Protein backbone atom coordinates (compact mmCIF):
# COMPACT_ATOMS: atom_id res chain seq x y z
CA UNK A 1 1.88 -0.70 -21.82
CA UNK A 2 -1.45 0.59 -20.01
CA UNK A 3 -0.87 1.31 -16.43
CA UNK A 4 -3.55 2.83 -13.87
CA UNK A 5 -2.37 3.58 -10.41
CA UNK A 6 -4.95 4.23 -7.59
CA UNK A 7 -3.73 7.08 -5.43
CA UNK A 8 -1.21 9.03 -7.23
CA UNK A 9 -1.47 12.72 -4.50
CA UNK A 10 0.47 10.62 -1.46
CA UNK A 11 4.36 10.25 -1.42
CA UNK A 12 4.81 7.46 -3.89
CA UNK A 13 2.00 7.26 -6.41
CA UNK A 14 3.33 10.23 -8.22
CA UNK A 15 6.90 9.00 -7.97
CA UNK A 16 5.82 5.93 -9.48
CA UNK A 17 3.64 7.63 -12.38
CA UNK A 18 6.62 9.65 -13.76
CA UNK A 19 9.11 6.55 -13.27
CA UNK A 20 6.89 4.42 -15.32
CA UNK A 21 6.34 7.40 -17.96
CA UNK A 22 9.76 7.45 -18.37
CA UNK A 23 9.90 3.99 -19.21
CA UNK A 24 7.64 4.32 -22.07
CA UNK A 25 4.71 3.24 -20.46
CA UNK A 26 0.94 4.80 -20.73
CA UNK A 27 -0.33 6.09 -17.04
CA UNK A 28 -3.48 7.20 -15.58
CA UNK A 29 -3.53 8.00 -12.26
CA UNK A 30 -6.83 8.47 -9.69
CA UNK A 31 -7.39 11.41 -7.25
CA UNK A 32 -10.29 12.08 -5.10
CA UNK A 33 -11.05 15.47 -6.95
CA UNK A 34 -8.96 16.08 -10.12
CA UNK A 35 -9.94 19.84 -10.38
CA UNK A 36 -8.19 20.60 -7.21
CA UNK A 37 -4.56 18.90 -8.76
CA UNK A 38 -4.65 18.33 -12.30
CA UNK A 39 -1.98 20.86 -13.51
CA UNK A 40 0.32 19.59 -10.92
CA UNK A 41 0.13 16.37 -13.21
CA UNK A 42 1.79 15.79 -16.79
CA UNK A 43 -0.29 12.08 -17.23
CA UNK A 44 -3.96 11.34 -17.13
CA UNK A 45 -5.95 11.95 -13.81
CA UNK A 46 -9.38 10.11 -13.18
CA UNK A 47 -11.36 10.70 -10.16
CA UNK A 48 -11.48 7.83 -7.79
CA UNK A 49 -13.46 7.42 -4.06
CA UNK A 50 -11.62 4.08 -3.31
CA UNK A 51 -14.41 3.11 -0.57
CA UNK A 52 -17.19 3.52 -3.80
CA UNK A 53 -17.50 0.50 -5.71
CA UNK A 54 -19.05 2.24 -8.67
CA UNK A 55 -16.50 5.30 -8.67
CA UNK A 56 -13.46 2.50 -8.66
CA UNK A 57 -15.31 0.53 -11.77
CA UNK A 58 -16.06 3.98 -13.52
CA UNK A 59 -11.79 4.55 -13.08
CA UNK A 60 -11.21 0.97 -14.52
CA UNK A 61 -13.81 1.65 -17.23
CA UNK A 62 -12.48 4.66 -18.55
CA UNK A 63 -9.24 3.49 -19.24
CA UNK A 64 -10.31 0.54 -20.88
CA UNK A 65 -12.38 3.22 -23.07
CA UNK A 66 -9.60 5.54 -24.07
CA UNK A 67 -6.88 2.35 -24.25
CA UNK A 68 -8.94 -0.11 -25.47
CA UNK A 69 -6.63 -2.56 -22.60
CA UNK A 70 -5.57 -2.28 -18.83
CA UNK A 71 -2.15 -4.02 -18.46
CA UNK A 72 -1.00 -3.14 -14.98
CA UNK A 73 -3.18 -2.09 -11.89
CA UNK A 74 -0.74 -0.59 -8.51
CA UNK A 75 -2.96 0.49 -5.41
CA UNK A 76 -1.38 2.86 -3.62
CA UNK A 77 -4.55 4.32 -1.42
CA UNK A 78 -3.24 3.61 2.19
CA UNK A 79 -4.49 4.90 5.21
CA UNK A 80 -2.75 4.82 9.00
CA UNK A 81 -3.29 5.68 12.32
CA UNK A 82 -2.13 4.70 15.74
CA UNK A 83 -3.32 3.64 18.97
CA UNK A 84 -3.99 0.58 21.60
CA UNK A 85 -6.75 -1.78 20.94
CA UNK A 86 -8.44 0.24 23.81
CA UNK A 87 -8.10 3.21 22.73
CA UNK A 88 -9.32 2.76 18.99
CA UNK A 89 -13.11 2.63 18.05
CA UNK A 90 -14.37 0.10 15.91
CA UNK A 91 -15.52 2.96 13.80
CA UNK A 92 -12.12 3.70 13.32
CA UNK A 93 -10.51 0.40 12.44
CA UNK A 94 -13.56 -0.11 9.85
CA UNK A 95 -12.93 3.18 8.45
CA UNK A 96 -9.45 1.87 7.65
CA UNK A 97 -10.13 -1.67 6.77
CA UNK A 98 -12.43 0.39 4.11
CA UNK A 99 -9.57 2.07 2.40
CA UNK A 100 -6.60 -0.72 3.05
CA UNK A 101 -8.49 -3.68 2.45
CA UNK A 102 -12.19 -3.04 1.37
CA UNK A 103 -10.23 -0.55 -1.18
CA UNK A 104 -7.68 -3.37 -2.54
CA UNK A 105 -11.12 -5.60 -3.11
CA UNK A 106 -12.80 -3.13 -5.56
CA UNK A 107 -9.88 -2.64 -7.35
CA UNK A 108 -9.26 -6.54 -7.97
CA UNK A 109 -13.17 -6.74 -8.69
CA UNK A 110 -13.25 -3.87 -11.76
CA UNK A 111 -10.11 -4.75 -12.91
CA UNK A 112 -10.19 -8.52 -12.97
CA UNK A 113 -12.97 -8.73 -16.09
CA UNK A 114 -10.81 -6.84 -18.28
CA UNK A 115 -7.74 -8.94 -17.45
CA UNK A 116 -9.79 -12.01 -18.21
CA UNK A 117 -11.12 -10.63 -21.18
CA UNK A 118 -7.62 -9.82 -22.77
CA UNK A 119 -6.12 -12.95 -21.21
CA UNK A 120 -3.13 -10.90 -19.08
CA UNK A 121 -2.45 -8.49 -16.68
CA UNK A 122 -1.09 -7.61 -13.72
CA UNK A 123 -2.03 -6.69 -10.15
CA UNK A 124 0.14 -5.20 -7.58
CA UNK A 125 -0.94 -4.58 -3.86
CA UNK A 126 1.30 -2.15 -1.30
CA UNK A 127 1.81 -4.01 1.27
CA UNK A 128 4.30 -3.29 3.91
CA UNK A 129 6.46 -4.52 6.75
CA UNK A 130 3.23 -4.47 8.76
CA UNK A 131 2.15 -7.40 6.45
CA UNK A 132 4.84 -9.63 8.11
CA UNK A 133 4.71 -8.22 11.49
CA UNK A 134 1.98 -7.26 14.42
CA UNK A 135 3.22 -4.63 16.06
CA UNK A 136 1.51 -3.19 19.26
CA UNK A 137 -0.19 0.15 18.98
CA UNK A 138 -0.52 -0.62 15.49
CA UNK A 139 -2.63 -3.50 15.58
CA UNK A 140 -5.13 -2.09 13.41
CA UNK A 141 -3.21 -1.38 10.49
CA UNK A 142 -0.66 -4.05 10.76
CA UNK A 143 -3.84 -6.81 11.06
CA UNK A 144 -5.20 -4.89 7.93
CA UNK A 145 -1.77 -5.43 5.59
CA UNK A 146 -1.95 -9.19 7.18
CA UNK A 147 -5.61 -9.32 5.28
CA UNK A 148 -4.49 -7.75 2.58
CA UNK A 149 -1.64 -10.00 1.90
CA UNK A 150 -4.02 -12.84 2.47
CA UNK A 151 -6.97 -11.74 0.04
CA UNK A 152 -3.83 -10.72 -2.67
CA UNK A 153 -2.47 -14.12 -1.92
CA UNK A 154 -5.65 -16.25 -2.38
CA UNK A 155 -6.19 -14.34 -5.74
CA UNK A 156 -2.93 -15.11 -7.03
CA UNK A 157 -3.99 -18.90 -6.72
CA UNK A 158 -7.23 -18.07 -8.27
CA UNK A 159 -5.63 -16.50 -11.22
CA UNK A 160 -2.35 -17.55 -12.13
CA UNK A 161 -3.46 -20.24 -14.60
CA UNK A 162 -4.98 -17.53 -16.51
CA UNK A 163 -2.20 -15.29 -17.43
CA UNK A 164 -2.51 -12.47 -14.69
CA UNK A 165 -0.22 -12.24 -12.24
CA UNK A 166 -0.20 -10.56 -8.95
CA UNK A 167 2.47 -9.07 -7.08
CA UNK A 168 2.86 -8.10 -3.22
CA UNK A 169 4.99 -5.61 -2.71
CA UNK A 170 6.73 -5.10 0.93
CA UNK A 171 8.19 -1.95 1.46
CA UNK A 172 9.55 -0.59 4.81
CA UNK A 173 8.78 3.13 5.92
CA UNK A 174 9.92 5.70 3.20
CA UNK A 175 11.57 8.48 3.52
CA UNK A 176 9.75 11.25 1.95
CA UNK A 177 8.73 14.78 2.52
CA UNK A 178 5.56 14.33 4.58
CA UNK A 179 4.63 15.00 8.05
CA UNK A 180 3.97 11.70 10.43
CA UNK A 181 1.06 13.36 12.17
CA UNK A 182 -1.38 13.96 9.21
CA UNK A 183 -4.41 12.26 7.49
CA UNK A 184 -2.53 9.70 6.46
CA UNK A 185 -0.71 8.98 10.16
CA UNK A 186 -2.19 10.08 13.32
CA UNK A 187 -2.79 9.46 16.92
CA UNK A 188 -6.44 7.92 17.37
CA UNK A 189 -8.72 10.06 18.85
CA UNK A 190 -9.27 8.35 22.17
CA UNK A 191 -5.54 8.56 23.28
CA UNK A 192 -4.88 10.09 26.31
CA UNK A 193 -2.07 13.28 26.21
CA UNK A 194 0.28 10.87 27.88
CA UNK A 195 -0.59 7.49 25.95
CA UNK A 196 1.97 5.71 24.99
CA UNK A 197 0.59 5.67 21.60
CA UNK A 198 2.54 9.14 20.96
CA UNK A 199 5.65 7.95 21.66
CA UNK A 200 4.90 5.33 18.94
CA UNK A 201 3.68 8.25 16.38
CA UNK A 202 7.49 9.93 17.52
CA UNK A 203 8.73 6.76 16.29
CA UNK A 204 7.28 6.33 13.09
CA UNK A 205 8.12 10.05 12.07
CA UNK A 206 12.13 9.19 13.29
CA UNK A 207 12.14 5.85 11.46
CA UNK A 208 10.70 7.20 8.17
CA UNK A 209 13.06 10.41 8.40
CA UNK A 210 16.27 7.57 8.73
CA UNK A 211 14.89 5.39 6.26
CA UNK A 212 17.40 4.68 3.48
CA UNK A 213 14.09 4.08 1.24
CA UNK A 214 12.93 6.31 -0.62
CA UNK A 215 9.90 6.53 -2.84
CA UNK A 216 12.23 6.71 -6.03
CA UNK A 217 14.04 3.55 -4.78
CA UNK A 218 10.32 1.86 -4.63
CA UNK A 219 9.23 3.01 -7.85
CA UNK A 220 12.12 1.54 -9.57
CA UNK A 221 11.77 -1.33 -7.98
CA UNK A 222 7.75 -1.74 -9.00
CA UNK A 223 8.98 -0.93 -12.77
CA UNK A 224 11.67 -3.61 -12.59
CA UNK A 225 9.05 -5.86 -11.71
CA UNK A 226 6.26 -4.48 -14.56
CA UNK A 227 8.95 -5.27 -17.17
CA UNK A 228 10.34 -9.27 -15.98
CA UNK A 229 8.94 -11.90 -17.14
CA UNK A 230 7.79 -14.45 -14.71
CA UNK A 231 6.98 -12.05 -11.46
CA UNK A 232 7.28 -13.06 -7.84
CA UNK A 233 4.22 -13.11 -5.58
CA UNK A 234 6.10 -11.44 -2.85
CA UNK A 235 8.86 -8.43 -3.15
CA UNK A 236 10.37 -7.56 0.16
CA UNK A 237 12.81 -4.48 0.52
CA UNK A 238 14.97 -3.59 2.93
CA UNK A 239 14.19 -4.73 6.76
CA UNK A 240 11.32 -6.76 5.67
CA UNK A 241 13.96 -9.33 4.20
CA UNK A 242 14.96 -10.21 7.37
CA UNK A 243 11.72 -9.61 9.21
CA UNK A 244 9.99 -11.93 6.97
CA UNK A 245 12.67 -15.02 7.55
CA UNK A 246 12.63 -14.31 11.29
CA UNK A 247 8.81 -14.68 11.31
CA UNK A 248 8.67 -17.87 9.51
CA UNK A 249 12.04 -19.43 11.45
CA UNK A 250 12.07 -17.91 14.75
CA UNK A 251 10.27 -19.36 17.83
CA UNK A 252 7.81 -16.95 19.34
CA UNK A 253 10.06 -16.05 22.37
CA UNK A 254 13.04 -14.41 19.80
CA UNK A 255 9.92 -12.41 18.22
CA UNK A 256 8.42 -11.20 21.73
CA UNK A 257 12.59 -10.08 22.05
CA UNK A 258 12.08 -8.12 18.78
CA UNK A 259 8.89 -6.61 19.65
CA UNK A 260 10.15 -5.42 23.10
CA UNK A 261 13.26 -3.86 21.67
CA UNK A 262 11.06 -1.62 19.68
CA UNK A 263 8.75 -0.77 22.33
CA UNK A 264 12.01 0.30 24.70
CA UNK A 265 13.51 2.38 21.39
CA UNK A 266 9.89 4.11 21.53
CA UNK A 267 9.65 4.97 25.10
CA UNK A 268 12.78 6.66 24.79
CA UNK A 269 11.31 9.29 23.02
C-alpha cells in the first residue's frame, strides 16, 4: 500500500509515518525543505509547499512515477492561532485558510485523478474538536476546521460510488513535545498584552500537556482505519465523541453553558 503524508515535520506526521511503515506500508512524507531534514527520516521525503498547487502536484506525480499508484493521502499540515475577531487581521485569517482549507483542496485536486484512474484510494482529512464546536478567540481556526469538514463531506458524496473513500479524523489536542507558543500556535500580532487571548493560549498549553491522547494513539487509529474494509466518514476521538453528540442534540442554551465554562476556566490562568 502506497501512502503519501503531507506534513511529516510536525508532531503527528512523523509518528504516523513510522507507524504505517511498521505495518508494511510504503510511505512518502512531505516537508518544505528536504535538505534541512532528510537525515532524520527513514522513509522517502518529497518537497511540498502546500500553498502552491504546482508544488503539491509535483509531490503526487513523483509518488506515482516511483510506485505506479497512490493508495492513501493524509494531510497533516496544520496552522493555528488564537485571537478575537477584532484582534485578528484579514490577512492572518486568509493565511490560515490558505494552509488549513485551500491546502487540503489542493491535495484533493492533485490526488483524485490518480485515484479515479486506478478505481480506488483513500483521502484522510485531519480535522479536530474545532471542527465540531466554534470556540471564542479561536474563530479563525475553528471556522477553518468547519470548512474543512464541509469540503471533505461534500467530496465524500462526490466519490463514494467510485471506489474512493473519504475519512475525517477528529482528534482533540494531542500531548506531544511541542511548545504551544510556536509557529504552529501563537497569539495574533494585534493582541494587547492584557488580552484574554494570552489566557486562551495558556489554556491550550495546559490542555495539551494534560491530554491523554498522543500522536501514537492517533497514528494507530489511522492505521486501523486504513486497513479496515468499509471506512467511516468521521472518526471522533476522546472528547470529540461527547462534544459531537452535544452539538447535534443539545439546545443552544446548554452549548452556551459549556462555552461559558471553558472561558471561566481559562480566565483562572
